[in-house]
Amino acid sequence: MNKTKEMNKYKNITDFEQLIEVEHGKIGTESRNKYEENAQMFIISEMLKEARKEAKMTQEQLAEKAGTKKSYISKLENAKGNIQLSTLIRIFEQGLNRRIGLTFL
């Protein structure tokens, strides 16, 4: 794609949702679903990292308290792991003494 054509696809964008659609496709497409999944995993990883640091715990301490492995905590904090909801709840509730709330849109 030449530079002019590349820039033209951004010409009429007025909000973030339109930008995401141009970059990753419409809601429901495979590419958009993958983007959304990665974005959610990044958010979870940052929340976990921040909560662990606020609790002044190492990854190893958190893993021990939550009944999992340090390598798993590390993967989650780096948005690399595949997470089970039950494990995420256990890490936050048992490991960090935090409650989790879910919202479905």
Protein backbone atom coordinates (compact mmCIF):
# COMPACT_ATOMS: atom_id res chain seq x y z
CA MET A 1 0.00 0.00 0.00
CA ASN A 2 1.48 3.38 -0.94
CA LYS A 3 1.87 6.13 1.65
CA THR A 4 -1.01 8.29 0.32
CA LYS A 5 -3.42 5.37 0.35
CA GLU A 6 -2.23 4.44 3.84
CA MET A 7 -2.85 7.97 5.16
CA ASN A 8 -6.26 8.24 3.45
CA LYS A 9 -7.69 5.42 5.55
CA TYR A 10 -7.22 7.66 8.61
CA LYS A 11 -8.64 10.81 7.00
CA ASN A 12 -12.21 10.69 8.34
CA ILE A 13 -11.52 9.18 11.77
CA THR A 14 -13.05 11.27 14.54
CA ASP A 15 -12.91 8.98 17.58
CA PHE A 16 -10.99 6.10 19.11
CA GLU A 17 -13.61 3.47 18.20
CA GLN A 18 -13.25 4.36 14.51
CA LEU A 19 -9.47 4.09 14.77
CA ILE A 20 -9.73 0.64 16.37
CA GLU A 21 -12.12 -0.43 13.61
CA VAL A 22 -9.71 0.72 10.88
CA GLU A 23 -6.77 -0.98 12.57
CA HIS A 24 -8.41 -4.18 13.83
CA GLY A 25 -11.74 -4.60 12.03
CA LYS A 26 -15.37 -4.47 13.05
CA ILE A 27 -16.65 -5.98 16.30
CA GLY A 28 -17.15 -9.70 15.82
CA THR A 29 -14.40 -10.21 13.26
CA GLU A 30 -11.58 -12.59 14.09
CA SER A 31 -8.93 -9.83 14.02
CA ARG A 32 -11.01 -7.57 16.30
CA ASN A 33 -11.73 -10.41 18.72
CA LYS A 34 -8.00 -11.16 18.97
CA TYR A 35 -7.24 -7.48 19.57
CA GLU A 36 -9.91 -7.27 22.30
CA GLU A 37 -8.61 -10.44 23.95
CA ASN A 38 -5.04 -9.09 23.98
CA ALA A 39 -6.21 -5.72 25.32
CA GLN A 40 -8.13 -7.38 28.17
CA MET A 41 -5.18 -9.60 29.01
CA PHE A 42 -2.90 -6.54 29.13
CA ILE A 43 -5.31 -4.78 31.51
CA ILE A 44 -5.49 -7.82 33.79
CA SER A 45 -1.72 -8.17 33.76
CA GLU A 46 -1.23 -4.53 34.78
CA MET A 47 -3.87 -4.79 37.53
CA LEU A 48 -2.22 -7.92 38.91
CA LYS A 49 1.24 -6.40 38.83
CA GLU A 50 0.05 -3.22 40.56
CA ALA A 51 -1.90 -5.12 43.24
CA ARG A 52 1.08 -7.36 43.96
CA LYS A 53 3.42 -4.38 44.27
CA GLU A 54 0.95 -2.55 46.56
CA ALA A 55 0.90 -5.68 48.74
CA LYS A 56 4.73 -5.55 48.77
CA MET A 57 4.93 -9.16 47.62
CA THR A 58 7.26 -10.90 45.23
CA GLN A 59 5.88 -13.08 42.47
CA GLU A 60 7.12 -16.08 44.41
CA GLN A 61 5.34 -15.00 47.60
CA LEU A 62 2.10 -14.40 45.74
CA ALA A 63 2.34 -17.74 43.95
CA GLU A 64 2.87 -19.58 47.23
CA LYS A 65 -0.04 -17.82 48.93
CA ALA A 66 -2.37 -18.40 45.93
CA GLY A 67 -1.33 -22.03 45.39
CA THR A 68 0.26 -21.60 41.99
CA LYS A 69 3.76 -21.22 40.54
CA LYS A 70 5.95 -18.14 40.23
CA SER A 71 6.34 -18.82 36.50
CA TYR A 72 2.55 -18.64 36.10
CA ILE A 73 2.37 -15.28 37.95
CA SER A 74 5.21 -14.01 35.74
CA LYS A 75 3.42 -15.10 32.56
CA LEU A 76 0.22 -13.39 33.68
CA GLU A 77 2.03 -10.18 34.60
CA ASN A 78 3.62 -10.16 31.16
CA ALA A 79 0.28 -10.87 29.43
CA LYS A 80 1.69 -14.11 28.04
CA GLY A 81 -0.32 -16.74 29.86
CA ASN A 82 -3.71 -18.21 29.23
CA ILE A 83 -5.71 -17.54 32.36
CA GLN A 84 -8.52 -19.50 33.94
CA LEU A 85 -11.10 -17.41 35.76
CA SER A 86 -10.99 -19.63 38.85
CA THR A 87 -7.22 -19.18 39.07
CA LEU A 88 -7.46 -15.42 38.59
CA ILE A 89 -10.03 -15.21 41.40
CA ARG A 90 -7.84 -17.35 43.67
CA ILE A 91 -4.77 -15.19 42.97
CA PHE A 92 -6.60 -11.97 43.80
CA GLU A 93 -8.75 -13.24 46.66
CA GLN A 94 -6.44 -15.70 48.42
CA GLY A 95 -3.12 -14.29 47.33
CA LEU A 96 -3.83 -10.55 47.54
CA ASN A 97 -6.92 -10.42 49.75
CA ARG A 98 -8.79 -8.51 47.01
CA ARG A 99 -12.26 -9.05 45.57
CA ILE A 100 -12.91 -9.41 41.85
CA GLY A 101 -15.97 -8.04 40.11
CA LEU A 102 -16.91 -8.88 36.54
CA THR A 103 -18.90 -6.81 34.11
CA PHE A 104 -20.36 -8.18 30.92
CA LEU A 105 -21.23 -5.66 28.22
